[in-house]
Amino acid sequence: MSKMSKISKTISTRLSEEDVRKLEQIAAKEKLDRSALIRKFLLQKLEEYKIREFSELFRKGVVSLQEAATGASVPLYQMMEFVQEEKIRPLTQSREDFKEEIRQSLNNLNK
């Protein structure tokens, strides 16, 4: 069997000279080249976005905390820390109560 390799693609964007200067300063401090620094920042933001997205599903009661962690591709303890820091709590309402509330709202709209 052949091992699957990851294919990378080049993405370009425009930044102001001031932003480029800031990136170069950070890259020098971090001892990274500018491309590696941008890749690092982008990947961190992508992970943060997934964590926020799945923590919102947890808050709504759509997924469990474990399911949220799995969906965001992070360890459970990391998801637990995030929801604790952000003070995210799941709905206290049961799914059946929530469905009934939606049915009542729809009935009221149709009147």
C-alpha atoms as a PDB file:
ATOM      1  CA  MET A   1       0.000   0.000   0.000  1.00  0.00           C
ATOM      2  CA  SER A   2       1.208   3.485  -0.755  1.00  0.00           C
ATOM      3  CA  LYS A   3       1.334   6.049   1.997  1.00  0.00           C
ATOM      4  CA  MET A   4      -0.928   9.048   1.347  1.00  0.00           C
ATOM      5  CA  SER A   5       0.949  12.332   1.320  1.00  0.00           C
ATOM      6  CA  LYS A   6      -0.472  15.682   2.246  1.00  0.00           C
ATOM      7  CA  ILE A   7      -0.639  18.034  -0.681  1.00  0.00           C
ATOM      8  CA  SER A   8      -0.162  21.665   0.194  1.00  0.00           C
ATOM      9  CA  LYS A   9      -1.387  24.664  -1.727  1.00  0.00           C
ATOM     10  CA  THR A  10      -0.111  28.191  -1.848  1.00  0.00           C
ATOM     11  CA  ILE A  11      -2.490  30.931  -0.767  1.00  0.00           C
ATOM     12  CA  SER A  12      -1.646  34.579  -1.183  1.00  0.00           C
ATOM     13  CA  THR A  13      -3.064  37.678   0.409  1.00  0.00           C
ATOM     14  CA  ARG A  14      -2.317  41.370   0.514  1.00  0.00           C
ATOM     15  CA  LEU A  15      -1.222  43.114   3.685  1.00  0.00           C
ATOM     16  CA  SER A  16      -0.267  46.662   4.433  1.00  0.00           C
ATOM     17  CA  GLU A  17       3.424  47.472   4.744  1.00  0.00           C
ATOM     18  CA  GLU A  18       2.885  48.117   8.439  1.00  0.00           C
ATOM     19  CA  ASP A  19       1.338  44.659   8.967  1.00  0.00           C
ATOM     20  CA  VAL A  20       4.201  43.043   7.054  1.00  0.00           C
ATOM     21  CA  ARG A  21       6.674  44.938   9.228  1.00  0.00           C
ATOM     22  CA  LYS A  22       4.898  43.676  12.364  1.00  0.00           C
ATOM     23  CA  LEU A  23       4.965  40.107  11.046  1.00  0.00           C
ATOM     24  CA  GLU A  24       8.673  40.377  10.297  1.00  0.00           C
ATOM     25  CA  GLN A  25       9.363  41.648  13.823  1.00  0.00           C
ATOM     26  CA  ILE A  26       7.424  38.759  15.361  1.00  0.00           C
ATOM     27  CA  ALA A  27       9.047  36.256  12.995  1.00  0.00           C
ATOM     28  CA  ALA A  28      12.499  37.477  14.024  1.00  0.00           C
ATOM     29  CA  LYS A  29      11.574  37.250  17.699  1.00  0.00           C
ATOM     30  CA  GLU A  30      10.123  33.726  17.231  1.00  0.00           C
ATOM     31  CA  LYS A  31      13.073  32.697  15.014  1.00  0.00           C
ATOM     32  CA  LEU A  32      10.718  31.703  12.186  1.00  0.00           C
ATOM     33  CA  ASP A  33      10.546  32.788   8.599  1.00  0.00           C
ATOM     34  CA  ARG A  34       7.561  34.945   7.700  1.00  0.00           C
ATOM     35  CA  SER A  35       5.720  32.139   5.864  1.00  0.00           C
ATOM     36  CA  ALA A  36       6.072  29.773   8.811  1.00  0.00           C
ATOM     37  CA  LEU A  37       4.790  32.452  11.183  1.00  0.00           C
ATOM     38  CA  ILE A  38       1.743  33.184   8.996  1.00  0.00           C
ATOM     39  CA  ARG A  39       1.033  29.441   8.713  1.00  0.00           C
ATOM     40  CA  LYS A  40       1.314  29.103  12.518  1.00  0.00           C
ATOM     41  CA  PHE A  41      -1.087  32.017  13.099  1.00  0.00           C
ATOM     42  CA  LEU A  42      -3.562  30.746  10.520  1.00  0.00           C
ATOM     43  CA  LEU A  43      -3.606  27.209  11.904  1.00  0.00           C
ATOM     44  CA  GLN A  44      -4.091  28.538  15.446  1.00  0.00           C
ATOM     45  CA  LYS A  45      -7.084  30.606  14.293  1.00  0.00           C
ATOM     46  CA  LEU A  46      -8.575  27.651  12.421  1.00  0.00           C
ATOM     47  CA  GLU A  47      -8.359  25.535  15.578  1.00  0.00           C
ATOM     48  CA  GLU A  48      -9.875  28.349  17.655  1.00  0.00           C
ATOM     49  CA  TYR A  49     -12.724  28.689  15.149  1.00  0.00           C
ATOM     50  CA  LYS A  50     -13.530  24.953  15.358  1.00  0.00           C
ATOM     51  CA  ILE A  51     -13.451  25.050  19.168  1.00  0.00           C
ATOM     52  CA  ARG A  52     -15.826  28.022  19.235  1.00  0.00           C
ATOM     53  CA  GLU A  53     -18.111  26.417  16.670  1.00  0.00           C
ATOM     54  CA  PHE A  54     -18.425  23.144  18.596  1.00  0.00           C
ATOM     55  CA  SER A  55     -18.628  24.822  22.014  1.00  0.00           C
ATOM     56  CA  GLU A  56     -21.668  26.711  20.701  1.00  0.00           C
ATOM     57  CA  LEU A  57     -23.256  23.387  19.715  1.00  0.00           C
ATOM     58  CA  PHE A  58     -22.492  22.182  23.251  1.00  0.00           C
ATOM     59  CA  ARG A  59     -24.107  25.306  24.711  1.00  0.00           C
ATOM     60  CA  LYS A  60     -27.225  24.675  22.625  1.00  0.00           C
ATOM     61  CA  GLY A  61     -27.375  21.076  23.849  1.00  0.00           C
ATOM     62  CA  VAL A  62     -26.866  19.647  20.364  1.00  0.00           C
ATOM     63  CA  VAL A  63     -23.684  17.754  21.289  1.00  0.00           C
ATOM     64  CA  SER A  64     -22.062  16.513  24.484  1.00  0.00           C
ATOM     65  CA  LEU A  65     -18.778  17.954  25.676  1.00  0.00           C
ATOM     66  CA  GLN A  66     -16.950  14.844  24.406  1.00  0.00           C
ATOM     67  CA  GLU A  67     -18.662  15.164  21.006  1.00  0.00           C
ATOM     68  CA  ALA A  68     -17.689  18.835  20.873  1.00  0.00           C
ATOM     69  CA  ALA A  69     -14.053  17.977  21.588  1.00  0.00           C
ATOM     70  CA  THR A  70     -14.071  15.225  18.964  1.00  0.00           C
ATOM     71  CA  GLY A  71     -15.716  17.498  16.390  1.00  0.00           C
ATOM     72  CA  ALA A  72     -13.160  20.236  17.034  1.00  0.00           C
ATOM     73  CA  SER A  73     -10.326  17.659  16.928  1.00  0.00           C
ATOM     74  CA  VAL A  74      -8.991  18.676  20.343  1.00  0.00           C
ATOM     75  CA  PRO A  75      -8.494  16.722  23.566  1.00  0.00           C
ATOM     76  CA  LEU A  76     -11.452  16.685  25.955  1.00  0.00           C
ATOM     77  CA  TYR A  77      -9.469  18.557  28.636  1.00  0.00           C
ATOM     78  CA  GLN A  78      -8.792  21.396  26.177  1.00  0.00           C
ATOM     79  CA  MET A  79     -12.500  21.704  25.376  1.00  0.00           C
ATOM     80  CA  MET A  80     -13.302  21.582  29.096  1.00  0.00           C
ATOM     81  CA  GLU A  81     -10.839  24.414  29.780  1.00  0.00           C
ATOM     82  CA  PHE A  82     -12.278  26.482  26.933  1.00  0.00           C
ATOM     83  CA  VAL A  83     -15.923  26.194  28.027  1.00  0.00           C
ATOM     84  CA  GLN A  84     -14.907  26.925  31.621  1.00  0.00           C
ATOM     85  CA  GLU A  85     -12.903  30.020  30.629  1.00  0.00           C
ATOM     86  CA  GLU A  86     -15.707  31.264  28.371  1.00  0.00           C
ATOM     87  CA  LYS A  87     -18.348  30.400  30.993  1.00  0.00           C
ATOM     88  CA  ILE A  88     -20.270  28.293  28.473  1.00  0.00           C
ATOM     89  CA  ARG A  89     -22.968  26.179  30.039  1.00  0.00           C
ATOM     90  CA  PRO A  90     -25.302  23.776  28.280  1.00  0.00           C
ATOM     91  CA  LEU A  91     -28.984  24.580  28.182  1.00  0.00           C
ATOM     92  CA  THR A  92     -30.803  23.493  31.312  1.00  0.00           C
ATOM     93  CA  GLN A  93     -33.887  22.802  29.247  1.00  0.00           C
ATOM     94  CA  SER A  94     -34.433  19.232  28.054  1.00  0.00           C
ATOM     95  CA  ARG A  95     -34.564  18.572  24.338  1.00  0.00           C
ATOM     96  CA  GLU A  96     -38.248  17.695  24.597  1.00  0.00           C
ATOM     97  CA  ASP A  97     -39.002  20.950  26.422  1.00  0.00           C
ATOM     98  CA  PHE A  98     -37.032  22.820  23.793  1.00  0.00           C
ATOM     99  CA  LYS A  99     -38.941  21.092  20.953  1.00  0.00           C
ATOM    100  CA  GLU A 100     -42.253  21.884  22.649  1.00  0.00           C
ATOM    101  CA  GLU A 101     -41.271  25.531  23.000  1.00  0.00           C
ATOM    102  CA  ILE A 102     -40.482  25.648  19.287  1.00  0.00           C
ATOM    103  CA  ARG A 103     -43.833  23.997  18.429  1.00  0.00           C
ATOM    104  CA  GLN A 104     -45.678  26.549  20.546  1.00  0.00           C
ATOM    105  CA  SER A 105     -43.782  29.415  18.941  1.00  0.00           C
ATOM    106  CA  LEU A 106     -44.619  28.128  15.474  1.00  0.00           C
ATOM    107  CA  ASN A 107     -48.275  27.735  16.417  1.00  0.00           C
ATOM    108  CA  ASN A 108     -48.336  31.327  17.684  1.00  0.00           C
ATOM    109  CA  LEU A 109     -46.786  32.539  14.427  1.00  0.00           C
ATOM    110  CA  ASN A 110     -49.422  30.729  12.373  1.00  0.00           C
ATOM    111  CA  LYS A 111     -52.336  32.335  14.231  1.00  0.00           C
END
